[in-house]
Amino acid sequence: MKIGFVGLGIMGKPMAINLVKAGHEVYGFDFNQASIDALVAAGGHAAESGKDAAQKGDIVITMLPNSPHVKAALFNENGIAEGLSAGQTVIDMSSISPVASKEFYEKLKEQSVSFLDAPVSGGEPKAIDGTIAVMVGGDEKVFEQYKDVLQAMASSVTLVGEVGAGNLTKLANQMIVAVNIAAVSEAYSLAKKAGVDPSRVYEAIRSGLAGSTVMDQKSQKIFDGDFAPGFRIDLHIKDLQNALDASHSYNVSTPFTAQAMEILQVLKAHDYGSDDHSAIARYYELVNGQKLQ
C-alpha cells in the first residue's frame, strides 16, 4: 500500500521505517530533513509537503506532538487536506485532545475523507522494534480495512470506540503511567532514607501485586540515574494537560493526575523537561535531599 507519513520524530521515524520493512511504499514528510533522509535510507521515499504526501499515498498517517501541530499539518497551506481525494483515510497516531480528534473528523468528512484517531503507547524502544500498543477510535469498517497497516508497527491494535475514544484511552494510559512512576519513586525514596537498597526492594516486590510494566521498565533507569529521553517530561506534561482538560469537560475529579502534573511542572522549572519521564524520581531527590543511585 502507498502511505503518506507526516511527522518523522522520535516515534514517527521508526514507525514509518517499520511500514517500509513490512513492504509498504512510504512517502514521508517532516520539517527535519535528516529524518526524511533516514527514511529514504531505509527504503522509503521523500514527500515535499503534507499535500504531496497525501497525493502520493492511498492513506495518510500523522504522528505529531499535539493538537495544534496536527491541525496545522492537516489544514495549513500545502497541508494534507489540500492533497486528499474523496475515499481516502487519515489515521492520526498523535496523542492529542479527543475533542480535537472529533473536530478533525467532522472537517475531513466534508471532503468525504475517513478519519481514525490511533494514539500509541510504548515509547521509542517499542516504536523501533514494532511492539507499540495502538488504541483506535473510529468507524469499525474503516478500522478493519487498515488494521493490518497498524499491526505492521505494533504488538496490539484495539478498537475502543468512536472517533475520540482512542485519544481518551491514551489519556487514561498516561494518567496511570505518571502516577505509577511517582508511586514507585516515592517508595524507593522511603527505602533509601531508611537505609534499605531500593534495587533490593524492587527485586523483592516486582513479582507481587505491586509489580507493573512501569516498575520493570523504569526502575533500572532510576537506579542508574539514566534519564536519557524515551518519552520526555515535556510530552507527558502535554498529555496530562489534555487529560485534565478532558476531566474538567466531563466534570470528573482527577486528584492524582493533578498532583502528578504538579510534580512534572517542578521538574520542568528545574530544566528537566527534556529528560525521560522516569526523571519523576528527580522530584523526590530534590525534596528529600538525597540521590536514589
C-alpha atoms as a PDB file:
ATOM      1  CA  MET A   1       0.000   0.000   0.000  1.00  0.00           C
ATOM      2  CA  LYS A   2       1.116   3.583  -0.665  1.00  0.00           C
ATOM      3  CA  ILE A   3       1.237   5.508   2.608  1.00  0.00           C
ATOM      4  CA  GLY A   4       1.877   9.200   3.217  1.00  0.00           C
ATOM      5  CA  PHE A   5       3.508   9.688   6.608  1.00  0.00           C
ATOM      6  CA  VAL A   6       3.719  13.156   8.150  1.00  0.00           C
ATOM      7  CA  GLY A   7       5.805  13.562  11.317  1.00  0.00           C
ATOM      8  CA  LEU A   8       9.094  11.662  11.444  1.00  0.00           C
ATOM      9  CA  GLY A   9      10.146  12.421  15.001  1.00  0.00           C
ATOM     10  CA  ILE A  10      11.322  10.150  17.816  1.00  0.00           C
ATOM     11  CA  MET A  11       8.274   7.920  17.364  1.00  0.00           C
ATOM     12  CA  GLY A  12       7.213   8.625  13.789  1.00  0.00           C
ATOM     13  CA  LYS A  13      10.516   7.818  12.093  1.00  0.00           C
ATOM     14  CA  PRO A  14      10.859   4.237  13.390  1.00  0.00           C
ATOM     15  CA  MET A  15       7.148   3.652  12.839  1.00  0.00           C
ATOM     16  CA  ALA A  16       7.453   4.740   9.212  1.00  0.00           C
ATOM     17  CA  ILE A  17      10.552   2.579   8.767  1.00  0.00           C
ATOM     18  CA  ASN A  18       8.652  -0.436  10.113  1.00  0.00           C
ATOM     19  CA  LEU A  19       5.982   0.157   7.478  1.00  0.00           C
ATOM     20  CA  VAL A  20       8.716   0.089   4.837  1.00  0.00           C
ATOM     21  CA  LYS A  21      10.031  -3.164   6.302  1.00  0.00           C
ATOM     22  CA  ALA A  22       6.512  -4.597   6.051  1.00  0.00           C
ATOM     23  CA  GLY A  23       6.536  -3.915   2.299  1.00  0.00           C
ATOM     24  CA  HIS A  24       4.575  -0.682   2.121  1.00  0.00           C
ATOM     25  CA  GLU A  25       5.527   2.241  -0.116  1.00  0.00           C
ATOM     26  CA  VAL A  26       6.000   5.102   2.348  1.00  0.00           C
ATOM     27  CA  TYR A  27       6.237   8.785   1.425  1.00  0.00           C
ATOM     28  CA  GLY A  28       7.441  10.733   4.446  1.00  0.00           C
ATOM     29  CA  PHE A  29       7.413  14.436   5.235  1.00  0.00           C
ATOM     30  CA  ASP A  30       8.936  16.293   8.169  1.00  0.00           C
ATOM     31  CA  PHE A  31      10.497  19.719   8.706  1.00  0.00           C
ATOM     32  CA  ASN A  32      13.670  17.911   9.783  1.00  0.00           C
ATOM     33  CA  GLN A  33      15.483  16.887   6.603  1.00  0.00           C
ATOM     34  CA  ALA A  34      17.677  14.409   8.497  1.00  0.00           C
ATOM     35  CA  SER A  35      14.567  12.415   9.437  1.00  0.00           C
ATOM     36  CA  ILE A  36      13.429  12.289   5.809  1.00  0.00           C
ATOM     37  CA  ASP A  37      16.924  11.188   4.780  1.00  0.00           C
ATOM     38  CA  ALA A  38      16.823   8.377   7.363  1.00  0.00           C
ATOM     39  CA  LEU A  39      13.513   7.138   5.960  1.00  0.00           C
ATOM     40  CA  VAL A  40      14.864   7.245   2.406  1.00  0.00           C
ATOM     41  CA  ALA A  41      17.984   5.355   3.509  1.00  0.00           C
ATOM     42  CA  ALA A  42      15.684   2.647   4.905  1.00  0.00           C
ATOM     43  CA  GLY A  43      13.884   2.299   1.560  1.00  0.00           C
ATOM     44  CA  GLY A  44      11.157   4.910   1.900  1.00  0.00           C
ATOM     45  CA  HIS A  45      10.522   7.997  -0.218  1.00  0.00           C
ATOM     46  CA  ALA A  46      10.585  11.737   0.431  1.00  0.00           C
ATOM     47  CA  ALA A  47       7.486  13.900   0.197  1.00  0.00           C
ATOM     48  CA  GLU A  48       7.836  17.638  -0.343  1.00  0.00           C
ATOM     49  CA  SER A  49       4.895  18.623   1.880  1.00  0.00           C
ATOM     50  CA  GLY A  50       1.850  17.262   3.630  1.00  0.00           C
ATOM     51  CA  LYS A  51      -0.096  17.890   0.447  1.00  0.00           C
ATOM     52  CA  ASP A  52       2.449  15.893  -1.568  1.00  0.00           C
ATOM     53  CA  ALA A  53       2.329  13.022   0.960  1.00  0.00           C
ATOM     54  CA  ALA A  54      -1.469  12.911   0.653  1.00  0.00           C
ATOM     55  CA  GLN A  55      -1.343  12.946  -3.129  1.00  0.00           C
ATOM     56  CA  LYS A  56       1.161  10.096  -3.247  1.00  0.00           C
ATOM     57  CA  GLY A  57      -0.419   7.922  -0.561  1.00  0.00           C
ATOM     58  CA  ASP A  58      -3.574   5.851  -0.554  1.00  0.00           C
ATOM     59  CA  ILE A  59      -3.835   6.788   3.112  1.00  0.00           C
ATOM     60  CA  VAL A  60      -2.052   9.353   5.293  1.00  0.00           C
ATOM     61  CA  ILE A  61      -0.665   8.736   8.769  1.00  0.00           C
ATOM     62  CA  THR A  62       0.235  11.638  11.059  1.00  0.00           C
ATOM     63  CA  MET A  63       2.472  11.404  14.132  1.00  0.00           C
ATOM     64  CA  LEU A  64       2.893  14.858  15.678  1.00  0.00           C
ATOM     65  CA  PRO A  65       3.343  16.413  19.152  1.00  0.00           C
ATOM     66  CA  ASN A  66      -0.076  17.918  19.927  1.00  0.00           C
ATOM     67  CA  SER A  67      -3.450  19.100  18.618  1.00  0.00           C
ATOM     68  CA  PRO A  68      -2.234  22.422  17.107  1.00  0.00           C
ATOM     69  CA  HIS A  69       0.514  20.609  15.170  1.00  0.00           C
ATOM     70  CA  VAL A  70      -1.967  18.112  13.729  1.00  0.00           C
ATOM     71  CA  LYS A  71      -4.377  20.901  12.810  1.00  0.00           C
ATOM     72  CA  ALA A  72      -1.606  22.809  11.038  1.00  0.00           C
ATOM     73  CA  ALA A  73      -0.379  19.689   9.209  1.00  0.00           C
ATOM     74  CA  LEU A  74      -3.909  18.965   8.033  1.00  0.00           C
ATOM     75  CA  PHE A  75      -5.288  22.358   7.141  1.00  0.00           C
ATOM     76  CA  ASN A  76      -2.484  24.885   6.611  1.00  0.00           C
ATOM     77  CA  GLU A  77      -1.356  25.900   3.133  1.00  0.00           C
ATOM     78  CA  ASN A  78       0.182  22.887   1.342  1.00  0.00           C
ATOM     79  CA  GLY A  79      -1.230  20.758   4.133  1.00  0.00           C
ATOM     80  CA  ILE A  80      -2.590  17.248   3.937  1.00  0.00           C
ATOM     81  CA  ALA A  81      -6.206  18.283   3.275  1.00  0.00           C
ATOM     82  CA  GLU A  82      -5.194  20.036   0.057  1.00  0.00           C
ATOM     83  CA  GLY A  83      -3.872  16.752  -1.329  1.00  0.00           C
ATOM     84  CA  LEU A  84      -6.687  14.461  -0.241  1.00  0.00           C
ATOM     85  CA  SER A  85      -9.299  12.944  -2.509  1.00  0.00           C
ATOM     86  CA  ALA A  86     -12.712  11.531  -1.637  1.00  0.00           C
ATOM     87  CA  GLY A  87     -12.425   7.994  -0.268  1.00  0.00           C
ATOM     88  CA  GLN A  88      -9.008   8.416   1.322  1.00  0.00           C
ATOM     89  CA  THR A  89      -8.368   7.944   5.035  1.00  0.00           C
ATOM     90  CA  VAL A  90      -6.307   9.917   7.545  1.00  0.00           C
ATOM     91  CA  ILE A  91      -5.011   7.971  10.559  1.00  0.00           C
ATOM     92  CA  ASP A  92      -3.772  10.334  13.248  1.00  0.00           C
ATOM     93  CA  MET A  93      -1.445   8.456  15.596  1.00  0.00           C
ATOM     94  CA  SER A  94      -0.553  11.552  17.620  1.00  0.00           C
ATOM     95  CA  SER A  95      -1.531  11.839  21.286  1.00  0.00           C
ATOM     96  CA  ILE A  96      -3.892  14.814  21.282  1.00  0.00           C
ATOM     97  CA  SER A  97      -7.159  16.074  22.721  1.00  0.00           C
ATOM     98  CA  PRO A  98     -10.146  13.810  21.946  1.00  0.00           C
ATOM     99  CA  VAL A  99     -12.143  16.996  21.333  1.00  0.00           C
ATOM    100  CA  ALA A 100      -9.674  17.965  18.596  1.00  0.00           C
ATOM    101  CA  SER A 101      -9.900  14.478  17.075  1.00  0.00           C
ATOM    102  CA  LYS A 102     -13.659  14.869  16.720  1.00  0.00           C
ATOM    103  CA  GLU A 103     -13.180  18.314  15.179  1.00  0.00           C
ATOM    104  CA  PHE A 104     -10.754  16.966  12.559  1.00  0.00           C
ATOM    105  CA  TYR A 105     -13.079  14.036  11.827  1.00  0.00           C
ATOM    106  CA  GLU A 106     -16.012  16.361  11.122  1.00  0.00           C
ATOM    107  CA  LYS A 107     -13.957  18.681   8.937  1.00  0.00           C
ATOM    108  CA  LEU A 108     -12.451  15.865   6.845  1.00  0.00           C
ATOM    109  CA  LYS A 109     -15.879  14.260   6.459  1.00  0.00           C
ATOM    110  CA  GLU A 110     -16.819  17.324   4.384  1.00  0.00           C
ATOM    111  CA  GLN A 111     -14.227  16.088   1.852  1.00  0.00           C
ATOM    112  CA  SER A 112     -15.594  12.525   2.068  1.00  0.00           C
ATOM    113  CA  VAL A 113     -12.376  11.504   3.814  1.00  0.00           C
ATOM    114  CA  SER A 114     -12.404   8.979   6.675  1.00  0.00           C
ATOM    115  CA  PHE A 115     -10.558   9.579   9.942  1.00  0.00           C
ATOM    116  CA  LEU A 116      -9.245   7.380  12.740  1.00  0.00           C
ATOM    117  CA  ASP A 117      -7.567   8.583  15.908  1.00  0.00           C
ATOM    118  CA  ALA A 118      -4.982   5.959  16.812  1.00  0.00           C
ATOM    119  CA  PRO A 119      -2.542   7.108  19.508  1.00  0.00           C
ATOM    120  CA  VAL A 120       0.157   4.745  20.706  1.00  0.00           C
ATOM    121  CA  SER A 121       1.869   3.652  23.897  1.00  0.00           C
ATOM    122  CA  GLY A 122       5.312   2.150  24.404  1.00  0.00           C
ATOM    123  CA  GLY A 123       7.841   4.891  23.775  1.00  0.00           C
ATOM    124  CA  GLU A 124      10.780   4.955  21.400  1.00  0.00           C
ATOM    125  CA  PRO A 125      12.143   1.429  22.122  1.00  0.00           C
ATOM    126  CA  LYS A 126       8.835  -0.181  21.211  1.00  0.00           C
ATOM    127  CA  ALA A 127       8.410   2.121  18.206  1.00  0.00           C
ATOM    128  CA  ILE A 128      11.783   0.868  16.962  1.00  0.00           C
ATOM    129  CA  ASP A 129      11.055  -2.833  17.451  1.00  0.00           C
ATOM    130  CA  GLY A 130       7.462  -2.553  16.250  1.00  0.00           C
ATOM    131  CA  THR A 131       5.741  -3.510  19.507  1.00  0.00           C
ATOM    132  CA  ILE A 132       3.810  -0.361  20.395  1.00  0.00           C
ATOM    133  CA  ALA A 133       0.208  -0.644  21.569  1.00  0.00           C
ATOM    134  CA  VAL A 134      -2.321   1.204  19.394  1.00  0.00           C
ATOM    135  CA  MET A 135      -5.720   2.311  20.687  1.00  0.00           C
ATOM    136  CA  VAL A 136      -8.115   3.324  17.933  1.00  0.00           C
ATOM    137  CA  GLY A 137     -11.254   5.410  17.706  1.00  0.00           C
ATOM    138  CA  GLY A 138     -13.415   5.441  14.591  1.00  0.00           C
ATOM    139  CA  ASP A 139     -15.726   3.538  12.282  1.00  0.00           C
ATOM    140  CA  GLU A 140     -15.301  -0.241  12.599  1.00  0.00           C
ATOM    141  CA  LYS A 141     -15.303  -0.814   8.828  1.00  0.00           C
ATOM    142  CA  VAL A 142     -12.513   1.734   8.328  1.00  0.00           C
ATOM    143  CA  PHE A 143     -10.611   0.209  11.243  1.00  0.00           C
ATOM    144  CA  GLU A 144     -10.835  -3.301   9.792  1.00  0.00           C
ATOM    145  CA  GLN A 145      -9.695  -2.024   6.396  1.00  0.00           C
ATOM    146  CA  TYR A 146      -6.446  -0.641   7.801  1.00  0.00           C
ATOM    147  CA  LYS A 147      -5.863  -2.831  10.851  1.00  0.00           C
ATOM    148  CA  ASP A 148      -3.102  -4.754   9.059  1.00  0.00           C
ATOM    149  CA  VAL A 149      -1.258  -1.487   8.348  1.00  0.00           C
ATOM    150  CA  LEU A 150      -1.335  -0.596  12.030  1.00  0.00           C
ATOM    151  CA  GLN A 151      -0.232  -4.082  13.030  1.00  0.00           C
ATOM    152  CA  ALA A 152       2.933  -3.648  10.967  1.00  0.00           C
ATOM    153  CA  MET A 153       4.027  -1.174  13.665  1.00  0.00           C
ATOM    154  CA  ALA A 154       2.521  -2.750  16.761  1.00  0.00           C
ATOM    155  CA  SER A 155       2.112  -5.734  19.050  1.00  0.00           C
ATOM    156  CA  SER A 156      -1.523  -4.868  19.766  1.00  0.00           C
ATOM    157  CA  VAL A 157      -4.151  -2.845  17.910  1.00  0.00           C
ATOM    158  CA  THR A 158      -7.503  -2.316  19.621  1.00  0.00           C
ATOM    159  CA  LEU A 159     -10.653  -0.516  18.502  1.00  0.00           C
ATOM    160  CA  VAL A 160     -12.002   1.126  21.653  1.00  0.00           C
ATOM    161  CA  GLY A 161     -14.924   3.177  20.307  1.00  0.00           C
ATOM    162  CA  GLU A 162     -15.889   6.044  18.058  1.00  0.00           C
ATOM    163  CA  VAL A 163     -13.595   8.876  16.968  1.00  0.00           C
ATOM    164  CA  GLY A 164     -12.034  10.434  20.071  1.00  0.00           C
ATOM    165  CA  ALA A 165     -12.119   7.197  22.062  1.00  0.00           C
ATOM    166  CA  GLY A 166      -8.578   6.354  21.018  1.00  0.00           C
ATOM    167  CA  ASN A 167      -7.188   9.557  22.484  1.00  0.00           C
ATOM    168  CA  LEU A 168      -9.335   9.295  25.592  1.00  0.00           C
ATOM    169  CA  THR A 169      -7.874   5.829  26.147  1.00  0.00           C
ATOM    170  CA  LYS A 170      -4.362   7.189  25.622  1.00  0.00           C
ATOM    171  CA  LEU A 171      -5.005   9.887  28.214  1.00  0.00           C
ATOM    172  CA  ALA A 172      -6.101   7.199  30.672  1.00  0.00           C
ATOM    173  CA  ASN A 173      -2.855   5.358  29.911  1.00  0.00           C
ATOM    174  CA  GLN A 174      -0.764   8.467  30.526  1.00  0.00           C
ATOM    175  CA  MET A 175      -2.544   9.217  33.792  1.00  0.00           C
ATOM    176  CA  ILE A 176      -1.787   5.711  35.061  1.00  0.00           C
ATOM    177  CA  VAL A 177       1.843   5.803  33.899  1.00  0.00           C
ATOM    178  CA  ALA A 178       2.603   9.166  35.542  1.00  0.00           C
ATOM    179  CA  VAL A 179       1.028   8.223  38.860  1.00  0.00           C
ATOM    180  CA  ASN A 180       2.729   4.806  38.745  1.00  0.00           C
ATOM    181  CA  ILE A 181       6.212   6.280  38.198  1.00  0.00           C
ATOM    182  CA  ALA A 182       5.567   8.732  41.019  1.00  0.00           C
ATOM    183  CA  ALA A 183       4.444   5.966  43.390  1.00  0.00           C
ATOM    184  CA  VAL A 184       7.470   3.819  42.519  1.00  0.00           C
ATOM    185  CA  SER A 185       9.846   6.767  43.026  1.00  0.00           C
ATOM    186  CA  GLU A 186       8.187   7.705  46.304  1.00  0.00           C
ATOM    187  CA  ALA A 187       8.533   4.169  47.648  1.00  0.00           C
ATOM    188  CA  TYR A 188      12.183   3.950  46.618  1.00  0.00           C
ATOM    189  CA  SER A 189      12.829   7.293  48.302  1.00  0.00           C
ATOM    190  CA  LEU A 190      11.428   5.989  51.584  1.00  0.00           C
ATOM    191  CA  ALA A 191      13.527   2.839  51.295  1.00  0.00           C
ATOM    192  CA  LYS A 192      16.691   4.825  50.602  1.00  0.00           C
ATOM    193  CA  LYS A 193      16.074   7.195  53.533  1.00  0.00           C
ATOM    194  CA  ALA A 194      15.537   4.206  55.833  1.00  0.00           C
ATOM    195  CA  GLY A 195      18.797   2.600  54.718  1.00  0.00           C
ATOM    196  CA  VAL A 196      17.308  -0.116  52.523  1.00  0.00           C
ATOM    197  CA  ASP A 197      18.682  -0.630  48.999  1.00  0.00           C
ATOM    198  CA  PRO A 198      15.887   0.384  46.552  1.00  0.00           C
ATOM    199  CA  SER A 199      17.130  -2.149  43.978  1.00  0.00           C
ATOM    200  CA  ARG A 200      16.564  -4.948  46.502  1.00  0.00           C
ATOM    201  CA  VAL A 201      13.106  -3.592  47.262  1.00  0.00           C
ATOM    202  CA  TYR A 202      12.385  -3.808  43.539  1.00  0.00           C
ATOM    203  CA  GLU A 203      13.577  -7.423  43.317  1.00  0.00           C
ATOM    204  CA  ALA A 204      11.507  -8.356  46.341  1.00  0.00           C
ATOM    205  CA  ILE A 205       8.204  -6.857  45.209  1.00  0.00           C
ATOM    206  CA  ARG A 206       8.311  -6.942  41.398  1.00  0.00           C
ATOM    207  CA  SER A 207       6.538 -10.328  41.201  1.00  0.00           C
ATOM    208  CA  GLY A 208       3.875  -9.375  43.725  1.00  0.00           C
ATOM    209  CA  LEU A 209       0.764  -7.240  43.448  1.00  0.00           C
ATOM    210  CA  ALA A 210       2.799  -4.008  43.283  1.00  0.00           C
ATOM    211  CA  GLY A 211       4.690  -5.203  40.222  1.00  0.00           C
ATOM    212  CA  SER A 212       3.981  -3.478  36.917  1.00  0.00           C
ATOM    213  CA  THR A 213       5.383  -2.874  33.448  1.00  0.00           C
ATOM    214  CA  VAL A 214       6.192   0.665  34.534  1.00  0.00           C
ATOM    215  CA  MET A 215       8.191  -0.620  37.509  1.00  0.00           C
ATOM    216  CA  ASP A 216      10.088  -3.086  35.305  1.00  0.00           C
ATOM    217  CA  GLN A 217      10.889  -0.561  32.577  1.00  0.00           C
ATOM    218  CA  LYS A 218      11.732   2.457  34.729  1.00  0.00           C
ATOM    219  CA  SER A 219      13.372   1.117  37.895  1.00  0.00           C
ATOM    220  CA  GLN A 220      16.814   0.492  36.427  1.00  0.00           C
ATOM    221  CA  LYS A 221      16.822   3.936  34.824  1.00  0.00           C
ATOM    222  CA  ILE A 222      16.061   5.404  38.254  1.00  0.00           C
ATOM    223  CA  PHE A 223      18.794   3.334  39.937  1.00  0.00           C
ATOM    224  CA  ASP A 224      21.316   4.327  37.255  1.00  0.00           C
ATOM    225  CA  GLY A 225      20.270   7.970  37.126  1.00  0.00           C
ATOM    226  CA  ASP A 226      19.909   7.438  33.380  1.00  0.00           C
ATOM    227  CA  PHE A 227      17.191   9.810  32.234  1.00  0.00           C
ATOM    228  CA  ALA A 228      18.015   9.896  28.523  1.00  0.00           C
ATOM    229  CA  PRO A 229      14.665  10.503  26.855  1.00  0.00           C
ATOM    230  CA  GLY A 230      12.478   7.704  25.638  1.00  0.00           C
ATOM    231  CA  PHE A 231       9.368   9.731  26.471  1.00  0.00           C
ATOM    232  CA  ARG A 232      10.145  13.284  27.528  1.00  0.00           C
ATOM    233  CA  ILE A 233       8.659  15.017  30.564  1.00  0.00           C
ATOM    234  CA  ASP A 234       7.558  17.893  28.296  1.00  0.00           C
ATOM    235  CA  LEU A 235       5.402  15.478  26.300  1.00  0.00           C
ATOM    236  CA  HIS A 236       3.946  13.911  29.428  1.00  0.00           C
ATOM    237  CA  ILE A 237       3.019  17.396  30.633  1.00  0.00           C
ATOM    238  CA  LYS A 238       1.189  17.891  27.342  1.00  0.00           C
ATOM    239  CA  ASP A 239      -0.712  14.620  27.796  1.00  0.00           C
ATOM    240  CA  LEU A 240      -1.676  15.343  31.399  1.00  0.00           C
ATOM    241  CA  GLN A 241      -2.853  18.825  30.408  1.00  0.00           C
ATOM    242  CA  ASN A 242      -5.127  17.201  27.819  1.00  0.00           C
ATOM    243  CA  ALA A 243      -6.278  14.715  30.475  1.00  0.00           C
ATOM    244  CA  LEU A 244      -7.069  17.471  32.959  1.00  0.00           C
ATOM    245  CA  ASP A 245      -8.877  19.490  30.285  1.00  0.00           C
ATOM    246  CA  ALA A 246     -10.962  16.416  29.425  1.00  0.00           C
ATOM    247  CA  SER A 247     -11.696  15.738  33.104  1.00  0.00           C
ATOM    248  CA  HIS A 248     -12.955  19.292  33.502  1.00  0.00           C
ATOM    249  CA  SER A 249     -15.104  18.943  30.385  1.00  0.00           C
ATOM    250  CA  TYR A 250     -16.731  15.808  31.792  1.00  0.00           C
ATOM    251  CA  ASN A 251     -16.798  17.097  35.397  1.00  0.00           C
ATOM    252  CA  VAL A 252     -14.641  14.239  36.683  1.00  0.00           C
ATOM    253  CA  SER A 253     -12.362  14.586  39.726  1.00  0.00           C
ATOM    254  CA  THR A 254      -8.756  13.513  38.978  1.00  0.00           C
ATOM    255  CA  PRO A 255      -6.663  14.494  42.033  1.00  0.00           C
ATOM    256  CA  PHE A 256      -3.795  12.045  41.468  1.00  0.00           C
ATOM    257  CA  THR A 257      -3.377  13.272  37.898  1.00  0.00           C
ATOM    258  CA  ALA A 258      -3.365  16.862  39.132  1.00  0.00           C
ATOM    259  CA  GLN A 259      -0.653  16.034  41.681  1.00  0.00           C
ATOM    260  CA  ALA A 260       1.420  14.228  39.052  1.00  0.00           C
ATOM    261  CA  MET A 261       1.146  17.318  36.869  1.00  0.00           C
ATOM    262  CA  GLU A 262       2.479  19.488  39.711  1.00  0.00           C
ATOM    263  CA  ILE A 263       5.485  17.167  40.063  1.00  0.00           C
ATOM    264  CA  LEU A 264       6.191  17.397  36.343  1.00  0.00           C
ATOM    265  CA  GLN A 265       5.896  21.182  36.431  1.00  0.00           C
ATOM    266  CA  VAL A 266       8.504  21.356  39.219  1.00  0.00           C
ATOM    267  CA  LEU A 267      10.859  19.255  37.100  1.00  0.00           C
ATOM    268  CA  LYS A 268      10.289  21.456  34.055  1.00  0.00           C
ATOM    269  CA  ALA A 269      11.076  24.515  36.180  1.00  0.00           C
ATOM    270  CA  HIS A 270      14.398  22.845  37.054  1.00  0.00           C
ATOM    271  CA  ASP A 271      15.181  22.387  33.326  1.00  0.00           C
ATOM    272  CA  TYR A 272      14.451  18.649  33.287  1.00  0.00           C
ATOM    273  CA  GLY A 273      11.703  18.894  30.652  1.00  0.00           C
ATOM    274  CA  SER A 274      13.795  17.059  28.060  1.00  0.00           C
ATOM    275  CA  ASP A 275      14.513  14.143  30.397  1.00  0.00           C
ATOM    276  CA  ASP A 276      12.688  10.834  30.267  1.00  0.00           C
ATOM    277  CA  HIS A 277       9.590  10.748  32.459  1.00  0.00           C
ATOM    278  CA  SER A 278      11.392   8.298  34.735  1.00  0.00           C
ATOM    279  CA  ALA A 279      13.072  11.503  35.969  1.00  0.00           C
ATOM    280  CA  ILE A 280       9.978  11.955  38.116  1.00  0.00           C
ATOM    281  CA  ALA A 281      12.386  10.327  40.574  1.00  0.00           C
ATOM    282  CA  ARG A 282      14.377  13.573  40.489  1.00  0.00           C
ATOM    283  CA  TYR A 283      11.480  15.336  42.188  1.00  0.00           C
ATOM    284  CA  TYR A 284      11.858  13.094  45.220  1.00  0.00           C
ATOM    285  CA  GLU A 285      15.613  13.615  45.172  1.00  0.00           C
ATOM    286  CA  LEU A 286      15.043  17.370  45.196  1.00  0.00           C
ATOM    287  CA  VAL A 287      12.504  17.457  48.031  1.00  0.00           C
ATOM    288  CA  ASN A 288      14.226  14.793  50.157  1.00  0.00           C
ATOM    289  CA  GLY A 289      17.783  15.936  49.566  1.00  0.00           C
ATOM    290  CA  GLN A 290      19.096  12.521  48.615  1.00  0.00           C
ATOM    291  CA  LYS A 291      20.087  10.633  45.493  1.00  0.00           C
ATOM    292  CA  LEU A 292      18.483   7.305  44.656  1.00  0.00           C
ATOM    293  CA  GLN A 293      21.612   5.965  42.928  1.00  0.00           C
END
